[in-house]
PDB file of N, CA and C in Angstrom:
ATOM      1  N   UNK A   1       8.844  10.186  -2.912  1.00  0.00           N
ATOM      2  CA  UNK A   1       8.413   9.221  -2.283  1.00  0.00           C
ATOM      3  C   UNK A   1       8.978   7.941  -2.242  1.00  0.00           C
ATOM      4  N   UNK A   2       9.601   7.616  -1.027  1.00  0.00           N
ATOM      5  CA  UNK A   2      10.606   6.742  -1.025  1.00  0.00           C
ATOM      6  C   UNK A   2      10.111   5.569   0.181  1.00  0.00           C
ATOM      7  N   UNK A   3       9.974   4.193  -0.202  1.00  0.00           N
ATOM      8  CA  UNK A   3       9.390   3.176   0.662  1.00  0.00           C
ATOM      9  C   UNK A   3       9.975   1.904   0.076  1.00  0.00           C
ATOM     10  N   UNK A   4       9.634   1.181   0.966  1.00  0.00           N
ATOM     11  CA  UNK A   4      10.235  -0.708   0.958  1.00  0.00           C
ATOM     12  C   UNK A   4       8.838  -1.407   1.309  1.00  0.00           C
ATOM     13  N   UNK A   5       8.996  -2.633   1.008  1.00  0.00           N
ATOM     14  CA  UNK A   5       7.934  -3.706   1.379  1.00  0.00           C
ATOM     15  C   UNK A   5       9.175  -4.450   2.565  1.00  0.00           C
ATOM     16  N   UNK A   6       8.464  -4.139   3.710  1.00  0.00           N
ATOM     17  CA  UNK A   6       9.670  -4.804   4.855  1.00  0.00           C
ATOM     18  C   UNK A   6       9.320  -6.404   4.708  1.00  0.00           C
ATOM     19  N   UNK A   7       8.584  -6.628   4.224  1.00  0.00           N
ATOM     20  CA  UNK A   7       8.262  -8.403   4.409  1.00  0.00           C
ATOM     21  C   UNK A   7       9.185  -8.923   3.320  1.00  0.00           C
ATOM     22  N   UNK A   8       9.858  -8.410   2.474  1.00  0.00           N
ATOM     23  CA  UNK A   8      10.874  -8.592   1.545  1.00  0.00           C
ATOM     24  C   UNK A   8      12.141  -8.099   1.345  1.00  0.00           C
ATOM     25  N   UNK A   9      12.156  -7.233   1.750  1.00  0.00           N
ATOM     26  CA  UNK A   9      13.471  -6.226   1.892  1.00  0.00           C
ATOM     27  C   UNK A   9      13.817  -5.613   3.143  1.00  0.00           C
ATOM     28  N   UNK A  10      14.852  -5.359   3.229  1.00  0.00           N
ATOM     29  CA  UNK A  10      15.556  -4.891   4.253  1.00  0.00           C
ATOM     30  C   UNK A  10      15.865  -3.415   4.658  1.00  0.00           C
ATOM     31  N   UNK A  11      16.323  -2.804   5.286  1.00  0.00           N
ATOM     32  CA  UNK A  11      16.042  -1.337   5.393  1.00  0.00           C
ATOM     33  C   UNK A  11      17.060  -0.437   4.256  1.00  0.00           C
ATOM     34  N   UNK A  12      17.964  -0.981   4.178  1.00  0.00           N
ATOM     35  CA  UNK A  12      18.805  -1.174   2.424  1.00  0.00           C
ATOM     36  C   UNK A  12      18.286  -0.690   1.356  1.00  0.00           C
ATOM     37  N   UNK A  13      17.133  -1.540   1.425  1.00  0.00           N
ATOM     38  CA  UNK A  13      16.332  -1.473  -0.010  1.00  0.00           C
ATOM     39  C   UNK A  13      15.341  -0.138  -0.142  1.00  0.00           C
ATOM     40  N   UNK A  14      15.328   0.649  -0.926  1.00  0.00           N
ATOM     41  CA  UNK A  14      14.715   1.754  -1.092  1.00  0.00           C
ATOM     42  C   UNK A  14      14.008   1.893  -2.611  1.00  0.00           C
ATOM     43  N   UNK A  15      12.617   1.654  -2.602  1.00  0.00           N
ATOM     44  CA  UNK A  15      11.953   1.804  -3.503  1.00  0.00           C
ATOM     45  C   UNK A  15      11.348   3.843  -3.870  1.00  0.00           C
ATOM     46  N   UNK A  16      11.437   4.221  -4.881  1.00  0.00           N
ATOM     47  CA  UNK A  16      10.946   5.340  -4.886  1.00  0.00           C
ATOM     48  C   UNK A  16       9.961   5.616  -6.330  1.00  0.00           C
ATOM     49  N   UNK A  17       9.175   6.382  -5.831  1.00  0.00           N
ATOM     50  CA  UNK A  17       8.122   6.551  -7.017  1.00  0.00           C
ATOM     51  C   UNK A  17       7.915   8.333  -6.666  1.00  0.00           C
ATOM     52  N   UNK A  18       7.562   8.840  -7.779  1.00  0.00           N
ATOM     53  CA  UNK A  18       7.309  10.079  -8.129  1.00  0.00           C
ATOM     54  C   UNK A  18       5.884  10.570  -8.221  1.00  0.00           C
ATOM     55  N   UNK A  19       5.498  11.604  -7.559  1.00  0.00           N
ATOM     56  CA  UNK A  19       3.992  11.593  -7.537  1.00  0.00           C
ATOM     57  C   UNK A  19       3.859  13.383  -7.523  1.00  0.00           C
ATOM     58  N   UNK A  20       2.817  13.797  -8.491  1.00  0.00           N
ATOM     59  CA  UNK A  20       2.555  15.505  -8.101  1.00  0.00           C
ATOM     60  C   UNK A  20       1.739  15.541  -6.782  1.00  0.00           C
ATOM     61  N   UNK A  21       1.697  16.807  -6.857  1.00  0.00           N
ATOM     62  CA  UNK A  21       1.248  17.079  -5.564  1.00  0.00           C
ATOM     63  C   UNK A  21      -0.667  16.700  -5.523  1.00  0.00           C
ATOM     64  N   UNK A  22      -1.242  16.394  -6.580  1.00  0.00           N
ATOM     65  CA  UNK A  22      -2.561  15.993  -6.321  1.00  0.00           C
ATOM     66  C   UNK A  22      -2.622  14.345  -6.056  1.00  0.00           C
ATOM     67  N   UNK A  23      -1.533  13.832  -5.997  1.00  0.00           N
ATOM     68  CA  UNK A  23      -1.775  12.077  -6.013  1.00  0.00           C
ATOM     69  C   UNK A  23      -0.647  11.681  -4.607  1.00  0.00           C
ATOM     70  N   UNK A  24      -0.133  12.313  -4.165  1.00  0.00           N
ATOM     71  CA  UNK A  24       0.755  12.035  -3.108  1.00  0.00           C
ATOM     72  C   UNK A  24       0.332  11.385  -2.107  1.00  0.00           C
ATOM     73  N   UNK A  25      -0.748  11.750  -1.714  1.00  0.00           N
ATOM     74  CA  UNK A  25      -1.192  11.838  -0.594  1.00  0.00           C
ATOM     75  C   UNK A  25      -1.894  10.462  -1.038  1.00  0.00           C
ATOM     76  N   UNK A  26      -2.350   9.981  -1.522  1.00  0.00           N
ATOM     77  CA  UNK A  26      -3.268   9.261  -2.296  1.00  0.00           C
ATOM     78  C   UNK A  26      -2.300   7.980  -1.989  1.00  0.00           C
ATOM     79  N   UNK A  27      -0.869   8.085  -2.717  1.00  0.00           N
ATOM     80  CA  UNK A  27       0.197   6.752  -3.059  1.00  0.00           C
ATOM     81  C   UNK A  27       0.706   6.910  -1.430  1.00  0.00           C
ATOM     82  N   UNK A  28       0.959   8.094  -0.410  1.00  0.00           N
ATOM     83  CA  UNK A  28       1.349   7.262   0.821  1.00  0.00           C
ATOM     84  C   UNK A  28       0.745   6.858   1.619  1.00  0.00           C
ATOM     85  N   UNK A  29      -0.786   7.088   1.637  1.00  0.00           N
ATOM     86  CA  UNK A  29      -1.748   6.415   2.522  1.00  0.00           C
ATOM     87  C   UNK A  29      -1.690   4.977   1.725  1.00  0.00           C
ATOM     88  N   UNK A  30      -2.202   4.905   0.753  1.00  0.00           N
ATOM     89  CA  UNK A  30      -1.914   3.329   0.092  1.00  0.00           C
ATOM     90  C   UNK A  30      -0.686   2.572   0.439  1.00  0.00           C
ATOM     91  N   UNK A  31       0.313   3.141   0.577  1.00  0.00           N
ATOM     92  CA  UNK A  31       1.421   2.402   1.172  1.00  0.00           C
ATOM     93  C   UNK A  31       1.638   2.117   2.484  1.00  0.00           C
ATOM     94  N   UNK A  32       1.387   3.139   3.215  1.00  0.00           N
ATOM     95  CA  UNK A  32       0.854   2.988   4.758  1.00  0.00           C
ATOM     96  C   UNK A  32      -0.254   2.309   5.757  1.00  0.00           C
ATOM     97  N   UNK A  33      -1.165   1.936   4.307  1.00  0.00           N
ATOM     98  CA  UNK A  33      -2.273   1.201   4.976  1.00  0.00           C
ATOM     99  C   UNK A  33      -2.161  -0.409   4.860  1.00  0.00           C
ATOM    100  N   UNK A  34      -0.819  -0.442   4.150  1.00  0.00           N
ATOM    101  CA  UNK A  34      -0.267  -1.893   4.165  1.00  0.00           C
ATOM    102  C   UNK A  34       1.018  -1.881   4.827  1.00  0.00           C
ATOM    103  N   UNK A  35       1.460  -1.101   5.885  1.00  0.00           N
ATOM    104  CA  UNK A  35       2.234  -1.162   6.403  1.00  0.00           C
ATOM    105  C   UNK A  35       3.589  -0.805   6.078  1.00  0.00           C
ATOM    106  N   UNK A  36       3.869  -0.461   4.792  1.00  0.00           N
ATOM    107  CA  UNK A  36       4.861  -0.033   4.043  1.00  0.00           C
ATOM    108  C   UNK A  36       5.705   1.143   5.216  1.00  0.00           C
ATOM    109  N   UNK A  37       6.683   1.204   5.125  1.00  0.00           N
ATOM    110  CA  UNK A  37       7.635   2.577   5.624  1.00  0.00           C
ATOM    111  C   UNK A  37       7.455   3.164   4.510  1.00  0.00           C
ATOM    112  N   UNK A  38       7.084   4.845   4.830  1.00  0.00           N
ATOM    113  CA  UNK A  38       7.404   5.526   3.786  1.00  0.00           C
ATOM    114  C   UNK A  38       7.953   6.814   4.229  1.00  0.00           C
ATOM    115  N   UNK A  39       8.782   7.494   3.324  1.00  0.00           N
ATOM    116  CA  UNK A  39       9.204   9.052   3.547  1.00  0.00           C
ATOM    117  C   UNK A  39       9.177   9.814   2.142  1.00  0.00           C
ATOM    118  N   UNK A  40       8.130  10.938   2.419  1.00  0.00           N
ATOM    119  CA  UNK A  40       7.621  11.658   1.516  1.00  0.00           C
ATOM    120  C   UNK A  40       9.028  12.935   1.373  1.00  0.00           C
ATOM    121  N   UNK A  41       9.637  13.334   0.487  1.00  0.00           N
ATOM    122  CA  UNK A  41      10.519  14.296   0.255  1.00  0.00           C
ATOM    123  C   UNK A  41      10.839  14.608  -0.928  1.00  0.00           C
ATOM    124  N   UNK A  42      11.427  15.726  -1.146  1.00  0.00           N
ATOM    125  CA  UNK A  42      11.394  16.698  -2.692  1.00  0.00           C
ATOM    126  C   UNK A  42      12.164  15.946  -3.912  1.00  0.00           C
ATOM    127  N   UNK A  43      12.011  15.953  -4.695  1.00  0.00           N
ATOM    128  CA  UNK A  43      12.497  15.211  -5.854  1.00  0.00           C
ATOM    129  C   UNK A  43      14.071  14.776  -5.909  1.00  0.00           C
ATOM    130  N   UNK A  44      14.655  15.869  -5.657  1.00  0.00           N
ATOM    131  CA  UNK A  44      16.138  15.713  -5.485  1.00  0.00           C
ATOM    132  C   UNK A  44      16.961  15.235  -4.383  1.00  0.00           C
ATOM    133  N   UNK A  45      16.093  14.840  -3.292  1.00  0.00           N
ATOM    134  CA  UNK A  45      16.675  14.200  -1.876  1.00  0.00           C
ATOM    135  C   UNK A  45      16.999  13.100  -2.184  1.00  0.00           C
ATOM    136  N   UNK A  46      17.647  12.654  -1.217  1.00  0.00           N
ATOM    137  CA  UNK A  46      18.144  10.870  -1.483  1.00  0.00           C
ATOM    138  C   UNK A  46      18.056  10.354  -0.161  1.00  0.00           C
ATOM    139  N   UNK A  47      17.063   9.051  -0.198  1.00  0.00           N
ATOM    140  CA  UNK A  47      16.998   8.669   1.355  1.00  0.00           C
ATOM    141  C   UNK A  47      17.823   7.038   0.944  1.00  0.00           C
ATOM    142  N   UNK A  48      18.571   6.823   2.047  1.00  0.00           N
ATOM    143  CA  UNK A  48      19.316   5.627   2.123  1.00  0.00           C
ATOM    144  C   UNK A  48      18.394   4.151   2.733  1.00  0.00           C
ATOM    145  N   UNK A  49      17.918   4.737   3.442  1.00  0.00           N
ATOM    146  CA  UNK A  49      17.166   3.620   4.186  1.00  0.00           C
ATOM    147  C   UNK A  49      15.634   4.068   4.683  1.00  0.00           C
ATOM    148  N   UNK A  50      14.610   3.161   4.630  1.00  0.00           N
ATOM    149  CA  UNK A  50      13.476   3.671   5.064  1.00  0.00           C
ATOM    150  C   UNK A  50      12.928   2.676   6.069  1.00  0.00           C
ATOM    151  N   UNK A  51      12.590   3.134   7.246  1.00  0.00           N
ATOM    152  CA  UNK A  51      12.036   2.326   8.320  1.00  0.00           C
ATOM    153  C   UNK A  51      13.229   2.385   9.140  1.00  0.00           C
ATOM    154  N   UNK A  52      13.204   1.648  10.439  1.00  0.00           N
ATOM    155  CA  UNK A  52      14.160   1.672  11.438  1.00  0.00           C
ATOM    156  C   UNK A  52      14.507   0.022  11.583  1.00  0.00           C
ATOM    157  N   UNK A  53      13.600  -0.621  11.283  1.00  0.00           N
ATOM    158  CA  UNK A  53      13.841  -2.282  11.876  1.00  0.00           C
ATOM    159  C   UNK A  53      13.244  -3.086  10.672  1.00  0.00           C
ATOM    160  N   UNK A  54      14.306  -4.272  10.297  1.00  0.00           N
ATOM    161  CA  UNK A  54      13.584  -5.221   9.081  1.00  0.00           C
ATOM    162  C   UNK A  54      12.716  -6.205  10.031  1.00  0.00           C
ATOM    163  N   UNK A  55      11.935  -6.543   9.215  1.00  0.00           N
ATOM    164  CA  UNK A  55      10.956  -7.524   9.577  1.00  0.00           C
ATOM    165  C   UNK A  55      10.729  -8.877   9.168  1.00  0.00           C
TER     166      UNK A  55
END
């Protein structure tokens, strides 16, 4: 799971959380409820940007 806090980070700052299948939906919903852009990918995938614009 790749995400960022747009209030303090630009689109090039990507944070990574690992989650098992049991918890990935909960964590995604947690971040989306706070208006954080989120991209869920496989473990080996790299994401260089999250979201399309800085706030």
